[in-house]
Amino acid sequence: MTKLLLEAIAKAKRLPQWEQDALAAMILEEIADNHRCLATEVKNQNADYLVNLVESSLVLSVN
């Protein structure tokens, strides 16, 4: 764990419970959003690869 994250957690521990819960919900949503973005990027890269593969195959079959 980084020093900055440790510092943030130490400060968050001093917050009231409802603020801790709100902060935790925001952090978890941010992590989930990052995972969704990464998954979408991987899918897009795979789709681009498949399109290029098909295009290359079509070029080779024409020649």
N, C-alpha and C. Protein backbone atom coordinates (compact mmCIF):
# COMPACT_ATOMS: atom_id res chain seq x y z
N MET A 1 0.85 -1.17 0.00
CA MET A 1 0.00 0.00 0.00
C MET A 1 0.90 1.24 0.00
N THR A 2 0.52 2.22 -0.79
CA THR A 2 1.36 3.41 -0.89
C THR A 2 1.21 4.30 0.33
N LYS A 3 2.20 5.18 0.49
CA LYS A 3 2.17 6.12 1.62
C LYS A 3 0.96 7.03 1.53
N LEU A 4 0.63 7.47 0.33
CA LEU A 4 -0.50 8.37 0.15
C LEU A 4 -1.81 7.68 0.53
N LEU A 5 -1.97 6.43 0.12
CA LEU A 5 -3.19 5.70 0.48
C LEU A 5 -3.26 5.46 1.98
N LEU A 6 -2.13 5.13 2.59
CA LEU A 6 -2.11 4.96 4.04
C LEU A 6 -2.50 6.26 4.76
N GLU A 7 -2.01 7.38 4.25
CA GLU A 7 -2.35 8.68 4.84
C GLU A 7 -3.84 8.96 4.70
N ALA A 8 -4.39 8.67 3.52
CA ALA A 8 -5.81 8.90 3.30
C ALA A 8 -6.66 8.03 4.23
N ILE A 9 -6.27 6.79 4.41
CA ILE A 9 -7.00 5.88 5.29
C ILE A 9 -6.91 6.35 6.74
N ALA A 10 -5.74 6.80 7.15
CA ALA A 10 -5.57 7.30 8.51
C ALA A 10 -6.49 8.49 8.76
N LYS A 11 -6.61 9.38 7.78
CA LYS A 11 -7.50 10.53 7.93
C LYS A 11 -8.96 10.10 7.88
N ALA A 12 -9.27 9.14 7.04
CA ALA A 12 -10.64 8.66 6.93
C ALA A 12 -11.11 7.99 8.22
N LYS A 13 -10.19 7.38 8.94
CA LYS A 13 -10.55 6.73 10.21
C LYS A 13 -11.09 7.72 11.23
N ARG A 14 -10.73 8.99 11.07
CA ARG A 14 -11.18 10.03 12.02
C ARG A 14 -12.54 10.62 11.64
N LEU A 15 -13.04 10.25 10.49
CA LEU A 15 -14.33 10.77 10.04
C LEU A 15 -15.47 10.03 10.74
N PRO A 16 -16.64 10.66 10.80
CA PRO A 16 -17.81 9.94 11.33
C PRO A 16 -18.13 8.73 10.43
N GLN A 17 -18.82 7.77 11.02
CA GLN A 17 -19.10 6.52 10.30
C GLN A 17 -19.81 6.77 8.97
N TRP A 18 -20.78 7.69 8.94
CA TRP A 18 -21.52 7.91 7.70
C TRP A 18 -20.61 8.47 6.60
N GLU A 19 -19.63 9.28 6.98
CA GLU A 19 -18.69 9.81 5.99
C GLU A 19 -17.72 8.71 5.53
N GLN A 20 -17.32 7.85 6.45
CA GLN A 20 -16.46 6.72 6.08
C GLN A 20 -17.19 5.83 5.07
N ASP A 21 -18.48 5.56 5.34
CA ASP A 21 -19.26 4.73 4.42
C ASP A 21 -19.40 5.38 3.05
N ALA A 22 -19.64 6.69 3.04
CA ALA A 22 -19.77 7.41 1.77
C ALA A 22 -18.46 7.38 1.00
N LEU A 23 -17.36 7.59 1.69
CA LEU A 23 -16.05 7.55 1.06
C LEU A 23 -15.74 6.15 0.53
N ALA A 24 -16.06 5.14 1.33
CA ALA A 24 -15.83 3.75 0.90
C ALA A 24 -16.65 3.43 -0.35
N ALA A 25 -17.90 3.88 -0.38
CA ALA A 25 -18.75 3.65 -1.55
C ALA A 25 -18.17 4.31 -2.79
N MET A 26 -17.65 5.54 -2.63
CA MET A 26 -17.04 6.23 -3.78
C MET A 26 -15.80 5.50 -4.27
N ILE A 27 -14.98 5.03 -3.36
CA ILE A 27 -13.75 4.32 -3.73
C ILE A 27 -14.10 3.02 -4.46
N LEU A 28 -15.05 2.27 -3.90
CA LEU A 28 -15.44 1.01 -4.53
C LEU A 28 -16.05 1.23 -5.90
N GLU A 29 -16.84 2.28 -6.06
CA GLU A 29 -17.42 2.59 -7.37
C GLU A 29 -16.33 2.97 -8.37
N GLU A 30 -15.35 3.73 -7.92
CA GLU A 30 -14.23 4.11 -8.80
C GLU A 30 -13.45 2.88 -9.26
N ILE A 31 -13.22 1.96 -8.33
CA ILE A 31 -12.50 0.72 -8.68
C ILE A 31 -13.31 -0.09 -9.68
N ALA A 32 -14.62 -0.21 -9.43
CA ALA A 32 -15.48 -0.96 -10.35
C ALA A 32 -15.50 -0.30 -11.73
N ASP A 33 -15.56 1.03 -11.76
CA ASP A 33 -15.57 1.76 -13.03
C ASP A 33 -14.27 1.53 -13.79
N ASN A 34 -13.15 1.53 -13.08
CA ASN A 34 -11.86 1.27 -13.72
C ASN A 34 -11.83 -0.12 -14.33
N HIS A 35 -12.37 -1.11 -13.61
CA HIS A 35 -12.41 -2.47 -14.13
C HIS A 35 -13.30 -2.56 -15.37
N ARG A 36 -14.43 -1.85 -15.35
CA ARG A 36 -15.31 -1.85 -16.53
C ARG A 36 -14.60 -1.21 -17.72
N CYS A 37 -13.89 -0.12 -17.48
CA CYS A 37 -13.16 0.54 -18.57
C CYS A 37 -12.07 -0.37 -19.14
N LEU A 38 -11.35 -1.04 -18.26
CA LEU A 38 -10.31 -1.95 -18.73
C LEU A 38 -10.90 -3.11 -19.52
N ALA A 39 -12.01 -3.65 -19.05
CA ALA A 39 -12.65 -4.75 -19.76
C ALA A 39 -13.13 -4.30 -21.14
N THR A 40 -13.68 -3.10 -21.22
CA THR A 40 -14.14 -2.56 -22.50
C THR A 40 -12.96 -2.36 -23.43
N GLU A 41 -11.86 -1.85 -22.91
CA GLU A 41 -10.66 -1.62 -23.73
C GLU A 41 -10.13 -2.94 -24.29
N VAL A 42 -10.10 -3.97 -23.46
CA VAL A 42 -9.63 -5.28 -23.91
C VAL A 42 -10.55 -5.83 -25.00
N LYS A 43 -11.87 -5.69 -24.80
CA LYS A 43 -12.82 -6.15 -25.82
C LYS A 43 -12.62 -5.40 -27.13
N ASN A 44 -12.41 -4.08 -27.04
CA ASN A 44 -12.19 -3.28 -28.24
C ASN A 44 -10.90 -3.69 -28.96
N GLN A 45 -9.85 -3.95 -28.19
CA GLN A 45 -8.59 -4.38 -28.79
C GLN A 45 -8.76 -5.74 -29.45
N ASN A 46 -9.49 -6.65 -28.81
CA ASN A 46 -9.73 -7.97 -29.40
C ASN A 46 -10.55 -7.84 -30.67
N ALA A 47 -11.55 -6.97 -30.66
CA ALA A 47 -12.38 -6.76 -31.85
C ALA A 47 -11.54 -6.17 -32.98
N ASP A 48 -10.70 -5.20 -32.67
CA ASP A 48 -9.81 -4.61 -33.69
C ASP A 48 -8.88 -5.67 -34.26
N TYR A 49 -8.35 -6.53 -33.40
CA TYR A 49 -7.45 -7.59 -33.85
C TYR A 49 -8.19 -8.53 -34.81
N LEU A 50 -9.42 -8.90 -34.44
CA LEU A 50 -10.18 -9.82 -35.29
C LEU A 50 -10.53 -9.17 -36.63
N VAL A 51 -10.88 -7.89 -36.63
CA VAL A 51 -11.17 -7.18 -37.88
C VAL A 51 -9.93 -7.17 -38.77
N ASN A 52 -8.78 -6.87 -38.18
CA ASN A 52 -7.53 -6.86 -38.96
C ASN A 52 -7.20 -8.24 -39.49
N LEU A 53 -7.45 -9.25 -38.70
CA LEU A 53 -7.19 -10.63 -39.12
C LEU A 53 -8.08 -11.01 -40.30
N VAL A 54 -9.36 -10.66 -40.21
CA VAL A 54 -10.30 -10.96 -41.31
C VAL A 54 -9.91 -10.18 -42.56
N GLU A 55 -9.59 -8.91 -42.38
CA GLU A 55 -9.18 -8.11 -43.54
C GLU A 55 -7.94 -8.67 -44.21
N SER A 56 -6.98 -9.10 -43.39
CA SER A 56 -5.75 -9.69 -43.94
C SER A 56 -6.06 -10.98 -44.67
N SER A 57 -6.96 -11.77 -44.12
CA SER A 57 -7.34 -13.03 -44.77
C SER A 57 -8.04 -12.77 -46.10
N LEU A 58 -8.88 -11.74 -46.15
CA LEU A 58 -9.56 -11.41 -47.40
C LEU A 58 -8.58 -10.94 -48.45
N VAL A 59 -7.60 -10.15 -48.05
CA VAL A 59 -6.58 -9.67 -48.98
C VAL A 59 -5.80 -10.85 -49.53
N LEU A 60 -5.42 -11.77 -48.67
CA LEU A 60 -4.65 -12.95 -49.10
C LEU A 60 -5.48 -13.84 -50.01
N SER A 61 -6.77 -13.98 -49.74
CA SER A 61 -7.60 -14.86 -50.57
C SER A 61 -7.86 -14.25 -51.93
N VAL A 62 -7.84 -12.92 -52.05
CA VAL A 62 -8.05 -12.26 -53.33
C VAL A 62 -6.79 -12.41 -54.20
N ASN A 63 -5.63 -12.36 -53.56
CA ASN A 63 -4.37 -12.45 -54.31
C ASN A 63 -4.15 -13.88 -54.63
